[in-house]
């Protein structure tokens, strides 16, 4: 049977698990079809130089995220026989990921990333190519039944389309009875790109990255919050994480909140630390935690994640089994 190519665009679905989740990092040899663990130091594949590899790592929380993760899956005698497809399905099933919001697109080239990690510093370099895979559109998002969600998070990408999605959620919220819980809207502005800045004004919770803060000329998270507070709507939470300096947040009442960083004993792998931080903070806030506790929890989870490869240890860490420095017992 001729090879069939299918590309799936995933709306990071509705998660039933309460802790930050992840799509496993993997290295797949497109020549031999073998799946290799992401826990290999250095270049995360040991295939011959002629082999092409695909690596994807992502952190999730118990919310829906209309930021797409994309895959090209080659079916040999049926798409389910391809190792990547089985690997992804097994991972989703293990983590209780709802795949009902998956939409299929044909004839798209695989977005490919090669991740190179430094054994000595834990830093990473990502070589990425995406030729023709589209971002999630407002039309895609129109198929989502908003009644099932209490929090929706956007990572800033195609901001014009994302603004339409956010406006749909805002209209939905306006129709709800006063006593009914509204959907919380959060956005992340990670890249210093002008079109993304329109999202500042539309989030109930806004995550702004260190790179964006520096782009605006701010050298500390506190100065970034003070300088960017005019861009967010009244009553919004503005959060800026700053690696070794921890994270700061502007509360709805205008007060400032700080959490120290929780660096691991040895820096091993920083890939996805920012997403892990966001997921942990959203998890806590969506379950009614105070902003102070959510910020501390996010820093602790992200710091712990930097101490090992991948994400398999994050859930155990987040249950508080090995943590001694995370606030109160209620926080963990």
C-alpha atoms as a PDB file:
ATOM      1  CA  UNK A   1       0.000   0.000   0.000  1.00  0.00           C
ATOM      2  CA  UNK A   2       1.343   3.398  -0.899  1.00  0.00           C
ATOM      3  CA  UNK A   3       2.472   5.432   2.048  1.00  0.00           C
ATOM      4  CA  UNK A   4      -0.153   7.840   3.312  1.00  0.00           C
ATOM      5  CA  UNK A   5       0.813  11.092   4.974  1.00  0.00           C
ATOM      6  CA  UNK A   6      -1.409  12.655   7.551  1.00  0.00           C
ATOM      7  CA  UNK A   7      -0.832  15.637   9.719  1.00  0.00           C
ATOM      8  CA  UNK A   8      -2.768  16.106  12.942  1.00  0.00           C
ATOM      9  CA  UNK A   9      -3.198  19.483  14.505  1.00  0.00           C
ATOM     10  CA  UNK A  10      -3.816  19.143  18.218  1.00  0.00           C
ATOM     11  CA  UNK A  11      -5.665  21.624  20.351  1.00  0.00           C
ATOM     12  CA  UNK A  12      -3.914  20.815  23.610  1.00  0.00           C
ATOM     13  CA  UNK A  13      -7.012  19.155  24.892  1.00  0.00           C
ATOM     14  CA  UNK A  14      -9.085  18.889  28.013  1.00  0.00           C
ATOM     15  CA  UNK A  15      -6.985  17.200  30.658  1.00  0.00           C
ATOM     16  CA  UNK A  16      -8.492  15.355  33.580  1.00  0.00           C
ATOM     17  CA  UNK A  17      -5.227  15.005  35.474  1.00  0.00           C
ATOM     18  CA  UNK A  18      -4.594  17.693  38.043  1.00  0.00           C
ATOM     19  CA  UNK A  19      -0.857  18.111  37.567  1.00  0.00           C
ATOM     20  CA  UNK A  20       1.159  19.563  34.687  1.00  0.00           C
ATOM     21  CA  UNK A  21       1.376  17.029  31.869  1.00  0.00           C
ATOM     22  CA  UNK A  22       3.703  16.632  28.934  1.00  0.00           C
ATOM     23  CA  UNK A  23       3.957  15.170  25.507  1.00  0.00           C
ATOM     24  CA  UNK A  24       6.994  12.934  25.751  1.00  0.00           C
ATOM     25  CA  UNK A  25      10.202  14.119  24.152  1.00  0.00           C
ATOM     26  CA  UNK A  26      11.184  11.605  21.515  1.00  0.00           C
ATOM     27  CA  UNK A  27      13.665  11.024  18.785  1.00  0.00           C
ATOM     28  CA  UNK A  28      12.343   9.098  15.800  1.00  0.00           C
ATOM     29  CA  UNK A  29      14.560   7.821  13.024  1.00  0.00           C
ATOM     30  CA  UNK A  30      12.617   8.339   9.802  1.00  0.00           C
ATOM     31  CA  UNK A  31      14.853   5.786   8.080  1.00  0.00           C
ATOM     32  CA  UNK A  32      14.554   2.891  10.531  1.00  0.00           C
ATOM     33  CA  UNK A  33      11.387   4.003  12.343  1.00  0.00           C
ATOM     34  CA  UNK A  34      12.807   3.410  15.805  1.00  0.00           C
ATOM     35  CA  UNK A  35      11.700   5.587  18.712  1.00  0.00           C
ATOM     36  CA  UNK A  36      14.466   6.650  21.045  1.00  0.00           C
ATOM     37  CA  UNK A  37      14.208   8.149  24.514  1.00  0.00           C
ATOM     38  CA  UNK A  38      14.619  11.876  25.035  1.00  0.00           C
ATOM     39  CA  UNK A  39      16.848  11.147  28.030  1.00  0.00           C
ATOM     40  CA  UNK A  40      20.035  10.923  25.969  1.00  0.00           C
ATOM     41  CA  UNK A  41      22.526  13.673  26.748  1.00  0.00           C
ATOM     42  CA  UNK A  42      24.019  15.745  23.984  1.00  0.00           C
ATOM     43  CA  UNK A  43      22.265  15.443  20.631  1.00  0.00           C
ATOM     44  CA  UNK A  44      19.138  13.481  21.407  1.00  0.00           C
ATOM     45  CA  UNK A  45      19.507  10.777  18.851  1.00  0.00           C
ATOM     46  CA  UNK A  46      22.139   8.209  18.027  1.00  0.00           C
ATOM     47  CA  UNK A  47      20.963   7.351  14.553  1.00  0.00           C
ATOM     48  CA  UNK A  48      23.456   7.332  11.682  1.00  0.00           C
ATOM     49  CA  UNK A  49      24.065  10.751  10.113  1.00  0.00           C
ATOM     50  CA  UNK A  50      21.864   9.796   7.157  1.00  0.00           C
ATOM     51  CA  UNK A  51      18.811   9.504   9.405  1.00  0.00           C
ATOM     52  CA  UNK A  52      16.459  12.425   9.955  1.00  0.00           C
ATOM     53  CA  UNK A  53      15.113  12.825  13.461  1.00  0.00           C
ATOM     54  CA  UNK A  54      12.068  14.456  14.989  1.00  0.00           C
ATOM     55  CA  UNK A  55      11.962  15.743  18.543  1.00  0.00           C
ATOM     56  CA  UNK A  56       9.021  17.280  20.318  1.00  0.00           C
ATOM     57  CA  UNK A  57       8.625  18.269  23.951  1.00  0.00           C
ATOM     58  CA  UNK A  58       5.759  20.168  25.470  1.00  0.00           C
ATOM     59  CA  UNK A  59       4.329  20.864  28.911  1.00  0.00           C
ATOM     60  CA  UNK A  60       0.608  20.936  29.556  1.00  0.00           C
ATOM     61  CA  UNK A  61      -1.824  21.822  32.292  1.00  0.00           C
ATOM     62  CA  UNK A  62      -5.393  20.794  33.030  1.00  0.00           C
ATOM     63  CA  UNK A  63      -6.794  23.348  30.585  1.00  0.00           C
ATOM     64  CA  UNK A  64      -7.386  23.588  26.863  1.00  0.00           C
ATOM     65  CA  UNK A  65      -4.698  25.426  24.896  1.00  0.00           C
ATOM     66  CA  UNK A  66      -5.445  26.494  21.302  1.00  0.00           C
ATOM     67  CA  UNK A  67      -1.729  26.421  20.522  1.00  0.00           C
ATOM     68  CA  UNK A  68      -1.045  23.636  18.089  1.00  0.00           C
ATOM     69  CA  UNK A  69       1.404  20.788  18.287  1.00  0.00           C
ATOM     70  CA  UNK A  70       1.781  19.132  14.900  1.00  0.00           C
ATOM     71  CA  UNK A  71       2.851  15.746  13.675  1.00  0.00           C
ATOM     72  CA  UNK A  72       3.223  14.111  10.292  1.00  0.00           C
ATOM     73  CA  UNK A  73       2.424  10.427  10.549  1.00  0.00           C
ATOM     74  CA  UNK A  74       3.356   7.941   7.832  1.00  0.00           C
ATOM     75  CA  UNK A  75       1.062   4.937   7.535  1.00  0.00           C
ATOM     76  CA  UNK A  76       2.616   1.764   6.220  1.00  0.00           C
ATOM     77  CA  UNK A  77      -0.218  -0.627   5.624  1.00  0.00           C
ATOM     78  CA  UNK A  78      -2.371   1.589   7.831  1.00  0.00           C
ATOM     79  CA  UNK A  79      -1.397   4.671   9.767  1.00  0.00           C
ATOM     80  CA  UNK A  80      -1.663   2.984  13.171  1.00  0.00           C
ATOM     81  CA  UNK A  81       1.270   0.729  12.384  1.00  0.00           C
ATOM     82  CA  UNK A  82       3.752   3.608  12.345  1.00  0.00           C
ATOM     83  CA  UNK A  83       5.730   3.756  15.623  1.00  0.00           C
ATOM     84  CA  UNK A  84       5.229   7.501  16.163  1.00  0.00           C
ATOM     85  CA  UNK A  85       1.455   7.186  15.962  1.00  0.00           C
ATOM     86  CA  UNK A  86       1.425   4.363  18.512  1.00  0.00           C
ATOM     87  CA  UNK A  87       3.806   6.252  20.762  1.00  0.00           C
ATOM     88  CA  UNK A  88       1.663   9.391  20.733  1.00  0.00           C
ATOM     89  CA  UNK A  89      -1.588   7.517  21.297  1.00  0.00           C
ATOM     90  CA  UNK A  90      -0.125   5.542  24.183  1.00  0.00           C
ATOM     91  CA  UNK A  91       1.220   8.716  25.747  1.00  0.00           C
ATOM     92  CA  UNK A  92      -2.115  10.514  25.433  1.00  0.00           C
ATOM     93  CA  UNK A  93      -3.986   7.554  26.877  1.00  0.00           C
ATOM     94  CA  UNK A  94      -1.585   7.254  29.798  1.00  0.00           C
ATOM     95  CA  UNK A  95      -1.986  10.949  30.605  1.00  0.00           C
ATOM     96  CA  UNK A  96      -5.783  10.982  30.084  1.00  0.00           C
ATOM     97  CA  UNK A  97      -5.583  13.469  27.215  1.00  0.00           C
ATOM     98  CA  UNK A  98      -8.895  14.047  25.465  1.00  0.00           C
ATOM     99  CA  UNK A  99      -8.281  13.778  21.701  1.00  0.00           C
ATOM    100  CA  UNK A 100     -11.796  14.739  20.640  1.00  0.00           C
ATOM    101  CA  UNK A 101     -10.551  18.150  19.446  1.00  0.00           C
ATOM    102  CA  UNK A 102      -8.003  16.779  16.994  1.00  0.00           C
ATOM    103  CA  UNK A 103      -8.445  18.038  13.441  1.00  0.00           C
ATOM    104  CA  UNK A 104      -6.788  16.382  10.474  1.00  0.00           C
ATOM    105  CA  UNK A 105      -4.907  18.103   7.659  1.00  0.00           C
ATOM    106  CA  UNK A 106      -3.427  16.275   4.696  1.00  0.00           C
ATOM    107  CA  UNK A 107      -0.268  16.891   2.644  1.00  0.00           C
ATOM    108  CA  UNK A 108       1.619  18.976   5.213  1.00  0.00           C
ATOM    109  CA  UNK A 109       5.352  18.640   5.750  1.00  0.00           C
ATOM    110  CA  UNK A 110       6.478  17.577   9.196  1.00  0.00           C
ATOM    111  CA  UNK A 111       7.618  20.392  11.486  1.00  0.00           C
ATOM    112  CA  UNK A 112      11.017  19.175  12.659  1.00  0.00           C
ATOM    113  CA  UNK A 113      13.179  20.187  15.585  1.00  0.00           C
ATOM    114  CA  UNK A 114      16.639  18.972  16.502  1.00  0.00           C
ATOM    115  CA  UNK A 115      17.496  19.679  20.134  1.00  0.00           C
ATOM    116  CA  UNK A 116      21.163  19.871  21.136  1.00  0.00           C
ATOM    117  CA  UNK A 117      21.786  19.858  24.894  1.00  0.00           C
ATOM    118  CA  UNK A 118      24.986  20.871  26.656  1.00  0.00           C
ATOM    119  CA  UNK A 119      26.220  18.323  29.188  1.00  0.00           C
ATOM    120  CA  UNK A 120      28.186  20.945  31.085  1.00  0.00           C
ATOM    121  CA  UNK A 121      25.606  23.738  31.391  1.00  0.00           C
ATOM    122  CA  UNK A 122      22.213  22.185  30.665  1.00  0.00           C
ATOM    123  CA  UNK A 123      21.527  24.829  28.019  1.00  0.00           C
ATOM    124  CA  UNK A 124      20.047  23.853  24.675  1.00  0.00           C
ATOM    125  CA  UNK A 125      20.044  24.876  21.054  1.00  0.00           C
ATOM    126  CA  UNK A 126      16.987  24.132  18.910  1.00  0.00           C
ATOM    127  CA  UNK A 127      17.172  23.845  15.134  1.00  0.00           C
ATOM    128  CA  UNK A 128      13.612  24.051  13.824  1.00  0.00           C
ATOM    129  CA  UNK A 129      11.919  23.987  10.440  1.00  0.00           C
ATOM    130  CA  UNK A 130       8.215  24.328   9.662  1.00  0.00           C
ATOM    131  CA  UNK A 131       7.466  24.804   5.981  1.00  0.00           C
ATOM    132  CA  UNK A 132       3.710  24.706   5.575  1.00  0.00           C
ATOM    133  CA  UNK A 133       1.864  23.654   8.719  1.00  0.00           C
ATOM    134  CA  UNK A 134      -0.810  26.251   9.566  1.00  0.00           C
ATOM    135  CA  UNK A 135      -1.546  27.539  13.040  1.00  0.00           C
ATOM    136  CA  UNK A 136      -4.906  26.945  14.641  1.00  0.00           C
ATOM    137  CA  UNK A 137      -7.511  29.300  13.195  1.00  0.00           C
ATOM    138  CA  UNK A 138     -10.599  30.943  14.617  1.00  0.00           C
ATOM    139  CA  UNK A 139     -12.629  28.611  12.402  1.00  0.00           C
ATOM    140  CA  UNK A 140     -10.955  25.599  14.049  1.00  0.00           C
ATOM    141  CA  UNK A 141     -11.683  27.061  17.447  1.00  0.00           C
ATOM    142  CA  UNK A 142     -15.337  27.709  16.565  1.00  0.00           C
ATOM    143  CA  UNK A 143     -15.913  23.951  16.831  1.00  0.00           C
ATOM    144  CA  UNK A 144     -14.931  23.916  20.511  1.00  0.00           C
ATOM    145  CA  UNK A 145     -17.864  23.639  22.907  1.00  0.00           C
ATOM    146  CA  UNK A 146     -17.027  26.295  25.483  1.00  0.00           C
ATOM    147  CA  UNK A 147     -19.400  24.833  28.057  1.00  0.00           C
ATOM    148  CA  UNK A 148     -16.791  22.223  28.938  1.00  0.00           C
ATOM    149  CA  UNK A 149     -14.029  24.599  29.992  1.00  0.00           C
ATOM    150  CA  UNK A 150     -13.223  26.873  32.879  1.00  0.00           C
ATOM    151  CA  UNK A 151      -9.783  28.068  31.694  1.00  0.00           C
ATOM    152  CA  UNK A 152      -8.356  28.519  28.192  1.00  0.00           C
ATOM    153  CA  UNK A 153      -4.741  29.453  27.555  1.00  0.00           C
ATOM    154  CA  UNK A 154      -3.201  30.920  24.406  1.00  0.00           C
ATOM    155  CA  UNK A 155       0.510  30.939  23.599  1.00  0.00           C
ATOM    156  CA  UNK A 156       0.942  33.961  21.363  1.00  0.00           C
ATOM    157  CA  UNK A 157       1.413  32.892  17.752  1.00  0.00           C
ATOM    158  CA  UNK A 158      -0.992  34.040  15.015  1.00  0.00           C
ATOM    159  CA  UNK A 159      -2.327  36.839  17.179  1.00  0.00           C
ATOM    160  CA  UNK A 160      -4.972  38.170  14.788  1.00  0.00           C
ATOM    161  CA  UNK A 161      -6.693  34.779  14.718  1.00  0.00           C
ATOM    162  CA  UNK A 162      -6.152  34.245  18.427  1.00  0.00           C
ATOM    163  CA  UNK A 163      -7.783  37.581  19.190  1.00  0.00           C
ATOM    164  CA  UNK A 164     -10.909  36.355  17.375  1.00  0.00           C
ATOM    165  CA  UNK A 165     -10.877  33.215  19.527  1.00  0.00           C
ATOM    166  CA  UNK A 166     -10.504  35.247  22.718  1.00  0.00           C
ATOM    167  CA  UNK A 167     -13.316  37.552  21.671  1.00  0.00           C
ATOM    168  CA  UNK A 168     -15.545  34.526  21.161  1.00  0.00           C
ATOM    169  CA  UNK A 169     -14.813  33.417  24.733  1.00  0.00           C
ATOM    170  CA  UNK A 170     -15.509  36.943  26.014  1.00  0.00           C
ATOM    171  CA  UNK A 171     -18.863  36.974  24.233  1.00  0.00           C
ATOM    172  CA  UNK A 172     -19.691  33.587  25.705  1.00  0.00           C
ATOM    173  CA  UNK A 173     -18.781  34.804  29.197  1.00  0.00           C
ATOM    174  CA  UNK A 174     -21.060  37.814  28.790  1.00  0.00           C
ATOM    175  CA  UNK A 175     -24.067  35.542  28.251  1.00  0.00           C
ATOM    176  CA  UNK A 176     -23.597  33.571  31.478  1.00  0.00           C
ATOM    177  CA  UNK A 177     -25.704  34.218  34.582  1.00  0.00           C
ATOM    178  CA  UNK A 178     -23.884  36.270  37.196  1.00  0.00           C
ATOM    179  CA  UNK A 179     -23.523  33.336  39.574  1.00  0.00           C
ATOM    180  CA  UNK A 180     -22.028  31.029  36.929  1.00  0.00           C
ATOM    181  CA  UNK A 181     -18.262  30.698  36.631  1.00  0.00           C
ATOM    182  CA  UNK A 182     -16.702  32.460  33.666  1.00  0.00           C
ATOM    183  CA  UNK A 183     -13.945  30.974  31.530  1.00  0.00           C
ATOM    184  CA  UNK A 184     -10.605  32.425  32.583  1.00  0.00           C
ATOM    185  CA  UNK A 185      -8.506  33.642  29.652  1.00  0.00           C
ATOM    186  CA  UNK A 186      -4.735  33.490  29.920  1.00  0.00           C
ATOM    187  CA  UNK A 187      -2.147  34.418  27.313  1.00  0.00           C
ATOM    188  CA  UNK A 188       1.596  34.043  27.031  1.00  0.00           C
ATOM    189  CA  UNK A 189       3.644  36.637  25.155  1.00  0.00           C
ATOM    190  CA  UNK A 190       6.961  34.878  24.715  1.00  0.00           C
ATOM    191  CA  UNK A 191       8.435  36.268  21.506  1.00  0.00           C
ATOM    192  CA  UNK A 192       9.322  39.939  20.908  1.00  0.00           C
ATOM    193  CA  UNK A 193       6.997  40.339  17.955  1.00  0.00           C
ATOM    194  CA  UNK A 194       4.828  43.409  17.540  1.00  0.00           C
ATOM    195  CA  UNK A 195       1.611  41.587  16.455  1.00  0.00           C
ATOM    196  CA  UNK A 196       1.617  39.605  19.711  1.00  0.00           C
ATOM    197  CA  UNK A 197       1.444  42.690  21.910  1.00  0.00           C
ATOM    198  CA  UNK A 198      -2.260  43.193  21.163  1.00  0.00           C
ATOM    199  CA  UNK A 199      -2.900  40.142  23.374  1.00  0.00           C
ATOM    200  CA  UNK A 200      -1.726  41.987  26.507  1.00  0.00           C
ATOM    201  CA  UNK A 201      -5.085  43.721  26.872  1.00  0.00           C
ATOM    202  CA  UNK A 202      -7.226  40.594  26.580  1.00  0.00           C
ATOM    203  CA  UNK A 203      -5.923  38.185  29.198  1.00  0.00           C
ATOM    204  CA  UNK A 204      -7.251  37.718  32.707  1.00  0.00           C
ATOM    205  CA  UNK A 205      -3.791  36.257  33.396  1.00  0.00           C
ATOM    206  CA  UNK A 206      -0.869  37.396  31.227  1.00  0.00           C
ATOM    207  CA  UNK A 207       2.530  35.688  31.139  1.00  0.00           C
ATOM    208  CA  UNK A 208       5.291  37.839  29.671  1.00  0.00           C
ATOM    209  CA  UNK A 209       8.727  36.390  29.017  1.00  0.00           C
ATOM    210  CA  UNK A 210      12.136  37.661  30.027  1.00  0.00           C
ATOM    211  CA  UNK A 211      12.983  38.121  26.327  1.00  0.00           C
ATOM    212  CA  UNK A 212       9.976  40.356  25.729  1.00  0.00           C
ATOM    213  CA  UNK A 213      10.685  42.349  28.901  1.00  0.00           C
ATOM    214  CA  UNK A 214      14.252  42.963  27.767  1.00  0.00           C
ATOM    215  CA  UNK A 215      13.019  43.919  24.314  1.00  0.00           C
ATOM    216  CA  UNK A 216      11.066  46.736  25.980  1.00  0.00           C
ATOM    217  CA  UNK A 217      14.226  47.781  27.856  1.00  0.00           C
ATOM    218  CA  UNK A 218      13.496  46.281  31.276  1.00  0.00           C
ATOM    219  CA  UNK A 219      16.335  44.552  33.124  1.00  0.00           C
ATOM    220  CA  UNK A 220      14.433  43.084  36.075  1.00  0.00           C
ATOM    221  CA  UNK A 221      11.024  41.383  36.435  1.00  0.00           C
ATOM    222  CA  UNK A 222       9.823  44.112  38.792  1.00  0.00           C
ATOM    223  CA  UNK A 223      10.649  46.881  36.354  1.00  0.00           C
ATOM    224  CA  UNK A 224       8.946  44.866  33.609  1.00  0.00           C
ATOM    225  CA  UNK A 225       5.733  44.596  35.645  1.00  0.00           C
ATOM    226  CA  UNK A 226       5.762  48.306  36.450  1.00  0.00           C
ATOM    227  CA  UNK A 227       6.434  49.243  32.850  1.00  0.00           C
ATOM    228  CA  UNK A 228       3.961  46.858  31.223  1.00  0.00           C
ATOM    229  CA  UNK A 229       1.051  47.164  33.659  1.00  0.00           C
ATOM    230  CA  UNK A 230      -0.481  49.858  31.469  1.00  0.00           C
ATOM    231  CA  UNK A 231      -0.881  47.284  28.686  1.00  0.00           C
ATOM    232  CA  UNK A 232      -3.080  44.851  30.638  1.00  0.00           C
ATOM    233  CA  UNK A 233      -6.729  45.391  31.500  1.00  0.00           C
ATOM    234  CA  UNK A 234      -7.861  46.436  34.962  1.00  0.00           C
ATOM    235  CA  UNK A 235      -7.928  43.527  37.385  1.00  0.00           C
ATOM    236  CA  UNK A 236      -5.655  41.300  35.310  1.00  0.00           C
ATOM    237  CA  UNK A 237      -2.740  39.312  36.713  1.00  0.00           C
ATOM    238  CA  UNK A 238       0.610  40.000  35.031  1.00  0.00           C
ATOM    239  CA  UNK A 239       3.401  37.448  35.566  1.00  0.00           C
ATOM    240  CA  UNK A 240       7.061  37.636  34.576  1.00  0.00           C
ATOM    241  CA  UNK A 241       9.442  34.730  35.231  1.00  0.00           C
ATOM    242  CA  UNK A 242      13.152  35.506  35.171  1.00  0.00           C
ATOM    243  CA  UNK A 243      15.075  32.216  35.479  1.00  0.00           C
ATOM    244  CA  UNK A 244      17.578  32.450  38.335  1.00  0.00           C
ATOM    245  CA  UNK A 245      15.799  35.529  39.767  1.00  0.00           C
ATOM    246  CA  UNK A 246      12.565  33.605  40.266  1.00  0.00           C
ATOM    247  CA  UNK A 247       9.307  35.231  39.218  1.00  0.00           C
ATOM    248  CA  UNK A 248       7.235  38.290  40.034  1.00  0.00           C
ATOM    249  CA  UNK A 249       3.559  38.994  39.555  1.00  0.00           C
ATOM    250  CA  UNK A 250       1.247  41.968  39.600  1.00  0.00           C
ATOM    251  CA  UNK A 251      -1.941  41.083  41.483  1.00  0.00           C
ATOM    252  CA  UNK A 252      -5.431  42.348  40.532  1.00  0.00           C
ATOM    253  CA  UNK A 253      -5.290  44.891  43.393  1.00  0.00           C
ATOM    254  CA  UNK A 254      -1.993  46.299  42.109  1.00  0.00           C
ATOM    255  CA  UNK A 255       0.218  44.684  44.746  1.00  0.00           C
ATOM    256  CA  UNK A 256       3.426  42.918  43.775  1.00  0.00           C
ATOM    257  CA  UNK A 257       4.197  39.278  44.556  1.00  0.00           C
ATOM    258  CA  UNK A 258       7.596  37.564  44.365  1.00  0.00           C
ATOM    259  CA  UNK A 259       8.858  34.001  44.453  1.00  0.00           C
ATOM    260  CA  UNK A 260      12.478  32.999  44.685  1.00  0.00           C
ATOM    261  CA  UNK A 261      13.939  30.549  42.199  1.00  0.00           C
ATOM    262  CA  UNK A 262      14.394  26.875  43.080  1.00  0.00           C
ATOM    263  CA  UNK A 263      17.506  25.836  41.145  1.00  0.00           C
ATOM    264  CA  UNK A 264      18.402  22.128  41.072  1.00  0.00           C
ATOM    265  CA  UNK A 265      21.679  20.887  42.528  1.00  0.00           C
ATOM    266  CA  UNK A 266      22.899  20.310  38.981  1.00  0.00           C
ATOM    267  CA  UNK A 267      21.466  21.971  35.888  1.00  0.00           C
ATOM    268  CA  UNK A 268      20.656  19.192  33.432  1.00  0.00           C
ATOM    269  CA  UNK A 269      17.898  20.176  30.998  1.00  0.00           C
ATOM    270  CA  UNK A 270      16.115  23.530  30.690  1.00  0.00           C
ATOM    271  CA  UNK A 271      13.997  22.529  27.698  1.00  0.00           C
ATOM    272  CA  UNK A 272      10.368  23.304  28.461  1.00  0.00           C
ATOM    273  CA  UNK A 273      11.037  24.937  31.827  1.00  0.00           C
ATOM    274  CA  UNK A 274       8.999  27.990  30.852  1.00  0.00           C
ATOM    275  CA  UNK A 275       6.044  25.901  29.727  1.00  0.00           C
ATOM    276  CA  UNK A 276       6.326  23.882  32.935  1.00  0.00           C
ATOM    277  CA  UNK A 277       6.210  27.094  34.969  1.00  0.00           C
ATOM    278  CA  UNK A 278       3.119  28.319  33.103  1.00  0.00           C
ATOM    279  CA  UNK A 279       1.352  24.981  33.458  1.00  0.00           C
ATOM    280  CA  UNK A 280       2.048  24.774  37.187  1.00  0.00           C
ATOM    281  CA  UNK A 281       0.858  28.334  37.831  1.00  0.00           C
ATOM    282  CA  UNK A 282      -2.314  27.792  35.782  1.00  0.00           C
ATOM    283  CA  UNK A 283      -2.970  24.508  37.569  1.00  0.00           C
ATOM    284  CA  UNK A 284      -2.823  26.197  40.954  1.00  0.00           C
ATOM    285  CA  UNK A 285      -4.802  29.296  40.023  1.00  0.00           C
ATOM    286  CA  UNK A 286      -7.481  27.261  38.256  1.00  0.00           C
ATOM    287  CA  UNK A 287      -7.959  25.303  41.474  1.00  0.00           C
ATOM    288  CA  UNK A 288      -8.392  28.382  43.630  1.00  0.00           C
ATOM    289  CA  UNK A 289      -4.876  28.896  45.039  1.00  0.00           C
ATOM    290  CA  UNK A 290      -3.608  32.313  46.072  1.00  0.00           C
ATOM    291  CA  UNK A 291      -1.380  34.073  43.566  1.00  0.00           C
ATOM    292  CA  UNK A 292       1.559  33.870  45.991  1.00  0.00           C
ATOM    293  CA  UNK A 293       1.223  30.108  46.300  1.00  0.00           C
ATOM    294  CA  UNK A 294       0.722  29.593  42.578  1.00  0.00           C
ATOM    295  CA  UNK A 295       3.852  31.608  41.788  1.00  0.00           C
ATOM    296  CA  UNK A 296       5.956  29.662  44.298  1.00  0.00           C
ATOM    297  CA  UNK A 297       4.581  26.375  43.013  1.00  0.00           C
ATOM    298  CA  UNK A 298       5.422  27.332  39.434  1.00  0.00           C
ATOM    299  CA  UNK A 299       9.007  28.256  40.302  1.00  0.00           C
ATOM    300  CA  UNK A 300       9.471  25.062  42.298  1.00  0.00           C
ATOM    301  CA  UNK A 301       8.107  22.793  39.567  1.00  0.00           C
ATOM    302  CA  UNK A 302      10.139  24.532  36.844  1.00  0.00           C
ATOM    303  CA  UNK A 303      13.300  24.471  38.959  1.00  0.00           C
ATOM    304  CA  UNK A 304      12.907  20.786  39.720  1.00  0.00           C
ATOM    305  CA  UNK A 305      12.328  20.002  36.057  1.00  0.00           C
ATOM    306  CA  UNK A 306      15.679  21.588  35.163  1.00  0.00           C
ATOM    307  CA  UNK A 307      17.406  18.945  37.289  1.00  0.00           C
ATOM    308  CA  UNK A 308      16.598  16.006  35.027  1.00  0.00           C
ATOM    309  CA  UNK A 309      15.938  15.152  31.391  1.00  0.00           C
ATOM    310  CA  UNK A 310      12.388  15.123  30.154  1.00  0.00           C
ATOM    311  CA  UNK A 311       9.263  15.381  32.283  1.00  0.00           C
ATOM    312  CA  UNK A 312       8.533  11.956  33.734  1.00  0.00           C
ATOM    313  CA  UNK A 313       9.651  13.091  37.181  1.00  0.00           C
ATOM    314  CA  UNK A 314       7.565  16.258  37.312  1.00  0.00           C
ATOM    315  CA  UNK A 315       4.382  14.596  38.566  1.00  0.00           C
ATOM    316  CA  UNK A 316       6.174  12.973  41.502  1.00  0.00           C
ATOM    317  CA  UNK A 317       7.856  16.236  42.352  1.00  0.00           C
ATOM    318  CA  UNK A 318       4.593  18.138  42.143  1.00  0.00           C
ATOM    319  CA  UNK A 319       2.919  15.862  44.695  1.00  0.00           C
ATOM    320  CA  UNK A 320       5.397  17.154  47.254  1.00  0.00           C
ATOM    321  CA  UNK A 321       7.161  13.854  47.900  1.00  0.00           C
ATOM    322  CA  UNK A 322      10.638  15.361  47.805  1.00  0.00           C
ATOM    323  CA  UNK A 323      10.028  19.060  48.263  1.00  0.00           C
ATOM    324  CA  UNK A 324      11.079  20.799  51.442  1.00  0.00           C
ATOM    325  CA  UNK A 325      11.034  24.409  50.294  1.00  0.00           C
ATOM    326  CA  UNK A 326       7.538  24.924  48.903  1.00  0.00           C
ATOM    327  CA  UNK A 327       5.511  27.119  51.247  1.00  0.00           C
ATOM    328  CA  UNK A 328       2.748  25.479  53.203  1.00  0.00           C
ATOM    329  CA  UNK A 329       1.504  21.925  53.114  1.00  0.00           C
ATOM    330  CA  UNK A 330      -1.617  23.121  51.316  1.00  0.00           C
ATOM    331  CA  UNK A 331       0.505  24.435  48.473  1.00  0.00           C
ATOM    332  CA  UNK A 332       1.875  21.006  47.669  1.00  0.00           C
END
